[in-house]
Amino acid sequence: MNAALIEALNRATSLELFHLSTILERLMSDPARIIEIRRHLHLGQSVRFLDGQQAGAQMSLRTGQIIAMKDTQLTVQDERSRREWKLPYAAIEIPDTGSIPAQSAPEPPSPTRADFRGGDQVSFEDRHLQTRIGTIVRINQRTATLDCDGQSWRVSFPLLRHLVDL
C-alpha cells in the first residue's frame, strides 16, 4: 500500500474511518462486482488470495485451490498448510487472462446431448449463480429436464457438469 495513503488514514478520525469502511464494504459486496470476479473463477482453480489475518503491512498473498463457491464468499484450501479459508470474493487476485495467448489455452468443447444419459447426477449454476445439483429425468432435443430437490429444471447441455462423487 502507498505510504502516503497509510499516513493519511492514520490522521483520519474514527468516524471518518468507519464511514470509509462502510463504503468499502458496500463496494466489495456489490453483486455486479462479485459476478465479474466469479466469471474468472471455477472449482479446483489455483488462485492467490490475501491473508487478511496478518496485521499491518505484513499481509501477504497465499496460494490455494478453490474448493467451494457461494453467493458472497468462496472457500480456498491453502497450498502449504492445507487449511481452509472462507473469503469474500474481493480477497482473490483475479487471474491475468490477457497474458495467455488464445492458442495456448484452448477452451474445452461444450458438453452436448450425447454426453448425458437419464439418471446422471449433474450440477449447474442458475441465473443467481447458485449451484444446483440434480438428476436427469429426461433428455430433450436441446435441454435436459432435471429433478433438483423436488423442483423441475430444463437446462441446456453446455451449462451442465457431471457430478463427480469423491
C-alpha atoms as a PDB file:
ATOM      1  CA  MET A   1       0.000   0.000   0.000  1.00  0.00           C
ATOM      2  CA  ASN A   2       1.126   3.527  -0.639  1.00  0.00           C
ATOM      3  CA  ALA A   3       2.918   5.013   2.422  1.00  0.00           C
ATOM      4  CA  ALA A   4       1.231   8.419   1.898  1.00  0.00           C
ATOM      5  CA  LEU A   5      -2.190   6.764   1.919  1.00  0.00           C
ATOM      6  CA  ILE A   6      -1.419   4.898   5.135  1.00  0.00           C
ATOM      7  CA  GLU A   7      -0.225   8.144   6.739  1.00  0.00           C
ATOM      8  CA  ALA A   8      -3.440   9.919   5.654  1.00  0.00           C
ATOM      9  CA  LEU A   9      -5.545   7.095   7.121  1.00  0.00           C
ATOM     10  CA  ASN A  10      -3.609   7.336  10.396  1.00  0.00           C
ATOM     11  CA  ARG A  11      -4.600  11.013  10.633  1.00  0.00           C
ATOM     12  CA  ALA A  12      -8.308  10.298   9.998  1.00  0.00           C
ATOM     13  CA  THR A  13     -10.817  10.328  12.844  1.00  0.00           C
ATOM     14  CA  SER A  14     -12.529   7.124  13.935  1.00  0.00           C
ATOM     15  CA  LEU A  15     -15.802   8.361  12.433  1.00  0.00           C
ATOM     16  CA  GLU A  16     -14.104   9.009   9.078  1.00  0.00           C
ATOM     17  CA  LEU A  17     -12.539   5.545   9.150  1.00  0.00           C
ATOM     18  CA  PHE A  18     -15.921   3.978   9.959  1.00  0.00           C
ATOM     19  CA  HIS A  19     -17.521   5.888   7.080  1.00  0.00           C
ATOM     20  CA  LEU A  20     -14.765   4.700   4.735  1.00  0.00           C
ATOM     21  CA  SER A  21     -15.116   1.082   5.907  1.00  0.00           C
ATOM     22  CA  THR A  22     -18.881   1.229   5.266  1.00  0.00           C
ATOM     23  CA  ILE A  23     -18.304   2.487   1.719  1.00  0.00           C
ATOM     24  CA  LEU A  24     -15.651  -0.174   1.082  1.00  0.00           C
ATOM     25  CA  GLU A  25     -17.921  -2.935   2.429  1.00  0.00           C
ATOM     26  CA  ARG A  26     -20.712  -1.835   0.055  1.00  0.00           C
ATOM     27  CA  LEU A  27     -18.322  -1.807  -2.896  1.00  0.00           C
ATOM     28  CA  MET A  28     -16.877  -5.237  -2.088  1.00  0.00           C
ATOM     29  CA  SER A  29     -20.329  -6.820  -1.644  1.00  0.00           C
ATOM     30  CA  ASP A  30     -21.781  -5.299  -4.840  1.00  0.00           C
ATOM     31  CA  PRO A  31     -23.367  -8.207  -6.782  1.00  0.00           C
ATOM     32  CA  ALA A  32     -22.105  -6.877 -10.131  1.00  0.00           C
ATOM     33  CA  ARG A  33     -18.533  -6.823  -8.787  1.00  0.00           C
ATOM     34  CA  ILE A  34     -18.878 -10.349  -7.375  1.00  0.00           C
ATOM     35  CA  ILE A  35     -20.269 -11.674 -10.672  1.00  0.00           C
ATOM     36  CA  GLU A  36     -17.354 -10.103 -12.564  1.00  0.00           C
ATOM     37  CA  ILE A  37     -14.859 -11.817 -10.242  1.00  0.00           C
ATOM     38  CA  ARG A  38     -16.710 -15.163 -10.421  1.00  0.00           C
ATOM     39  CA  ARG A  39     -16.566 -15.016 -14.205  1.00  0.00           C
ATOM     40  CA  HIS A  40     -12.823 -15.683 -13.939  1.00  0.00           C
ATOM     41  CA  LEU A  41     -13.021 -18.472 -11.341  1.00  0.00           C
ATOM     42  CA  HIS A  42     -14.015 -22.142 -11.214  1.00  0.00           C
ATOM     43  CA  LEU A  43     -13.858 -25.004  -8.716  1.00  0.00           C
ATOM     44  CA  GLY A  44     -10.426 -26.589  -8.478  1.00  0.00           C
ATOM     45  CA  GLN A  45      -8.674 -23.488  -9.825  1.00  0.00           C
ATOM     46  CA  SER A  46      -5.406 -22.403  -8.242  1.00  0.00           C
ATOM     47  CA  VAL A  47      -5.591 -18.762  -7.087  1.00  0.00           C
ATOM     48  CA  ARG A  48      -3.703 -16.249  -4.978  1.00  0.00           C
ATOM     49  CA  PHE A  49      -5.572 -14.710  -2.048  1.00  0.00           C
ATOM     50  CA  LEU A  50      -4.879 -12.098   0.579  1.00  0.00           C
ATOM     51  CA  ASP A  51      -4.212 -13.327   4.090  1.00  0.00           C
ATOM     52  CA  GLY A  52      -6.180 -10.666   5.960  1.00  0.00           C
ATOM     53  CA  GLN A  53      -5.478 -12.160   9.396  1.00  0.00           C
ATOM     54  CA  GLN A  54      -1.895 -10.944   9.478  1.00  0.00           C
ATOM     55  CA  ALA A  55      -1.600  -7.488  10.995  1.00  0.00           C
ATOM     56  CA  GLY A  56      -0.443  -4.299   9.287  1.00  0.00           C
ATOM     57  CA  ALA A  57       1.914  -4.292   6.341  1.00  0.00           C
ATOM     58  CA  GLN A  58       2.710  -7.996   6.895  1.00  0.00           C
ATOM     59  CA  MET A  59      -0.376  -9.093   4.923  1.00  0.00           C
ATOM     60  CA  SER A  60       0.705 -11.402   2.145  1.00  0.00           C
ATOM     61  CA  LEU A  61      -0.675 -13.251  -0.831  1.00  0.00           C
ATOM     62  CA  ARG A  62      -1.030 -17.002  -0.382  1.00  0.00           C
ATOM     63  CA  THR A  63      -1.709 -19.655  -3.000  1.00  0.00           C
ATOM     64  CA  GLY A  64      -4.568 -22.112  -2.742  1.00  0.00           C
ATOM     65  CA  GLN A  65      -7.220 -24.066  -4.596  1.00  0.00           C
ATOM     66  CA  ILE A  66     -10.914 -23.127  -4.803  1.00  0.00           C
ATOM     67  CA  ILE A  67     -12.986 -25.881  -3.191  1.00  0.00           C
ATOM     68  CA  ALA A  68     -16.385 -24.143  -2.842  1.00  0.00           C
ATOM     69  CA  MET A  69     -18.134 -21.082  -4.245  1.00  0.00           C
ATOM     70  CA  LYS A  70     -21.151 -19.470  -2.581  1.00  0.00           C
ATOM     71  CA  ASP A  71     -23.085 -16.220  -3.134  1.00  0.00           C
ATOM     72  CA  THR A  72     -20.799 -13.792  -1.320  1.00  0.00           C
ATOM     73  CA  GLN A  73     -17.765 -15.885  -0.410  1.00  0.00           C
ATOM     74  CA  LEU A  74     -15.695 -18.818  -1.504  1.00  0.00           C
ATOM     75  CA  THR A  75     -13.637 -21.460   0.269  1.00  0.00           C
ATOM     76  CA  VAL A  76      -9.974 -21.839  -0.639  1.00  0.00           C
ATOM     77  CA  GLN A  77      -7.639 -24.556   0.634  1.00  0.00           C
ATOM     78  CA  ASP A  78      -4.172 -23.158   1.360  1.00  0.00           C
ATOM     79  CA  GLU A  79      -1.491 -24.861  -0.726  1.00  0.00           C
ATOM     80  CA  ARG A  80       1.054 -25.163   2.110  1.00  0.00           C
ATOM     81  CA  SER A  81      -0.930 -25.694   5.303  1.00  0.00           C
ATOM     82  CA  ARG A  82      -3.996 -27.392   3.687  1.00  0.00           C
ATOM     83  CA  ARG A  83      -6.086 -25.063   5.907  1.00  0.00           C
ATOM     84  CA  GLU A  84      -9.453 -23.949   4.520  1.00  0.00           C
ATOM     85  CA  TRP A  85     -10.202 -20.228   4.261  1.00  0.00           C
ATOM     86  CA  LYS A  86     -13.685 -18.740   3.806  1.00  0.00           C
ATOM     87  CA  LEU A  87     -13.057 -15.478   1.974  1.00  0.00           C
ATOM     88  CA  PRO A  88     -15.016 -12.712   0.269  1.00  0.00           C
ATOM     89  CA  TYR A  89     -14.502 -12.626  -3.493  1.00  0.00           C
ATOM     90  CA  ALA A  90     -12.648  -9.316  -3.095  1.00  0.00           C
ATOM     91  CA  ALA A  91      -9.769 -11.180  -1.361  1.00  0.00           C
ATOM     92  CA  ILE A  92      -8.980 -13.138  -4.544  1.00  0.00           C
ATOM     93  CA  GLU A  93      -6.458 -11.952  -7.106  1.00  0.00           C
ATOM     94  CA  ILE A  94      -8.192 -12.235 -10.471  1.00  0.00           C
ATOM     95  CA  PRO A  95      -6.005 -14.271 -12.828  1.00  0.00           C
ATOM     96  CA  ASP A  96      -4.488 -12.222 -15.657  1.00  0.00           C
ATOM     97  CA  THR A  97      -6.171 -13.760 -18.707  1.00  0.00           C
ATOM     98  CA  GLY A  98      -4.697 -11.173 -21.082  1.00  0.00           C
ATOM     99  CA  SER A  99      -1.192 -12.578 -20.810  1.00  0.00           C
ATOM    100  CA  ILE A 100      -2.181 -16.050 -22.013  1.00  0.00           C
ATOM    101  CA  PRO A 101      -2.323 -16.331 -25.807  1.00  0.00           C
ATOM    102  CA  ALA A 102      -5.583 -17.810 -27.077  1.00  0.00           C
ATOM    103  CA  GLN A 103      -3.692 -20.548 -28.979  1.00  0.00           C
ATOM    104  CA  SER A 104      -2.005 -21.938 -25.858  1.00  0.00           C
ATOM    105  CA  ALA A 105      -5.165 -22.167 -23.759  1.00  0.00           C
ATOM    106  CA  PRO A 106      -7.916 -23.698 -25.911  1.00  0.00           C
ATOM    107  CA  GLU A 107     -11.364 -23.904 -24.392  1.00  0.00           C
ATOM    108  CA  PRO A 108     -12.666 -27.400 -23.759  1.00  0.00           C
ATOM    109  CA  PRO A 109     -15.580 -28.340 -26.003  1.00  0.00           C
ATOM    110  CA  SER A 110     -19.033 -27.636 -24.601  1.00  0.00           C
ATOM    111  CA  PRO A 111     -20.968 -30.683 -23.440  1.00  0.00           C
ATOM    112  CA  THR A 112     -23.586 -31.936 -25.886  1.00  0.00           C
ATOM    113  CA  ARG A 113     -26.647 -34.137 -25.706  1.00  0.00           C
ATOM    114  CA  ALA A 114     -24.501 -37.216 -26.363  1.00  0.00           C
ATOM    115  CA  ASP A 115     -22.551 -36.618 -23.121  1.00  0.00           C
ATOM    116  CA  PHE A 116     -25.572 -37.212 -20.853  1.00  0.00           C
ATOM    117  CA  ARG A 117     -27.990 -40.046 -20.049  1.00  0.00           C
ATOM    118  CA  GLY A 118     -31.126 -40.313 -17.934  1.00  0.00           C
ATOM    119  CA  GLY A 119     -30.260 -40.851 -14.270  1.00  0.00           C
ATOM    120  CA  ASP A 120     -26.929 -38.971 -14.461  1.00  0.00           C
ATOM    121  CA  GLN A 121     -26.126 -36.756 -11.466  1.00  0.00           C
ATOM    122  CA  VAL A 122     -25.283 -33.251 -12.736  1.00  0.00           C
ATOM    123  CA  SER A 123     -24.797 -29.713 -11.479  1.00  0.00           C
ATOM    124  CA  PHE A 124     -25.273 -26.267 -12.988  1.00  0.00           C
ATOM    125  CA  GLU A 125     -25.389 -22.633 -11.906  1.00  0.00           C
ATOM    126  CA  ASP A 126     -28.761 -20.910 -12.073  1.00  0.00           C
ATOM    127  CA  ARG A 127     -29.206 -17.264 -13.047  1.00  0.00           C
ATOM    128  CA  HIS A 128     -28.465 -16.180  -9.456  1.00  0.00           C
ATOM    129  CA  LEU A 129     -25.147 -18.087  -9.523  1.00  0.00           C
ATOM    130  CA  GLN A 130     -26.474 -20.707  -7.098  1.00  0.00           C
ATOM    131  CA  THR A 131     -25.050 -24.159  -7.781  1.00  0.00           C
ATOM    132  CA  ARG A 132     -27.899 -26.626  -8.261  1.00  0.00           C
ATOM    133  CA  ILE A 133     -27.480 -30.396  -8.140  1.00  0.00           C
ATOM    134  CA  GLY A 134     -29.954 -32.787  -9.671  1.00  0.00           C
ATOM    135  CA  THR A 135     -30.711 -35.954 -11.584  1.00  0.00           C
ATOM    136  CA  ILE A 136     -31.519 -36.041 -15.280  1.00  0.00           C
ATOM    137  CA  VAL A 137     -35.057 -37.386 -15.687  1.00  0.00           C
ATOM    138  CA  ARG A 138     -35.460 -36.697 -19.409  1.00  0.00           C
ATOM    139  CA  ILE A 139     -33.258 -35.873 -22.368  1.00  0.00           C
ATOM    140  CA  ASN A 140     -34.857 -33.378 -24.760  1.00  0.00           C
ATOM    141  CA  GLN A 141     -33.548 -32.110 -28.118  1.00  0.00           C
ATOM    142  CA  ARG A 142     -31.689 -29.055 -26.726  1.00  0.00           C
ATOM    143  CA  THR A 143     -32.170 -29.364 -22.958  1.00  0.00           C
ATOM    144  CA  ALA A 144     -32.211 -31.891 -20.151  1.00  0.00           C
ATOM    145  CA  THR A 145     -35.041 -31.981 -17.645  1.00  0.00           C
ATOM    146  CA  LEU A 146     -33.641 -32.271 -14.116  1.00  0.00           C
ATOM    147  CA  ASP A 147     -35.109 -33.035 -10.727  1.00  0.00           C
ATOM    148  CA  CYS A 148     -33.367 -30.810  -8.156  1.00  0.00           C
ATOM    149  CA  ASP A 149     -34.782 -31.459  -4.675  1.00  0.00           C
ATOM    150  CA  GLY A 150     -38.333 -31.808  -5.993  1.00  0.00           C
ATOM    151  CA  GLN A 151     -38.066 -28.868  -8.409  1.00  0.00           C
ATOM    152  CA  SER A 152     -38.058 -29.440 -12.146  1.00  0.00           C
ATOM    153  CA  TRP A 153     -35.485 -27.560 -14.240  1.00  0.00           C
ATOM    154  CA  ARG A 154     -34.869 -27.508 -18.004  1.00  0.00           C
ATOM    155  CA  VAL A 155     -31.199 -26.764 -18.620  1.00  0.00           C
ATOM    156  CA  SER A 156     -29.236 -26.612 -21.874  1.00  0.00           C
ATOM    157  CA  PHE A 157     -26.416 -29.134 -22.179  1.00  0.00           C
ATOM    158  CA  PRO A 158     -23.493 -26.657 -22.292  1.00  0.00           C
ATOM    159  CA  LEU A 159     -24.466 -25.438 -18.792  1.00  0.00           C
ATOM    160  CA  LEU A 160     -24.413 -28.925 -17.253  1.00  0.00           C
ATOM    161  CA  ARG A 161     -21.448 -30.520 -15.492  1.00  0.00           C
ATOM    162  CA  HIS A 162     -21.241 -34.175 -14.478  1.00  0.00           C
ATOM    163  CA  LEU A 163     -21.185 -34.539 -10.714  1.00  0.00           C
ATOM    164  CA  VAL A 164     -18.101 -36.399  -9.531  1.00  0.00           C
ATOM    165  CA  ASP A 165     -18.551 -38.165  -6.213  1.00  0.00           C
ATOM    166  CA  LEU A 166     -15.237 -38.404  -4.355  1.00  0.00           C
END
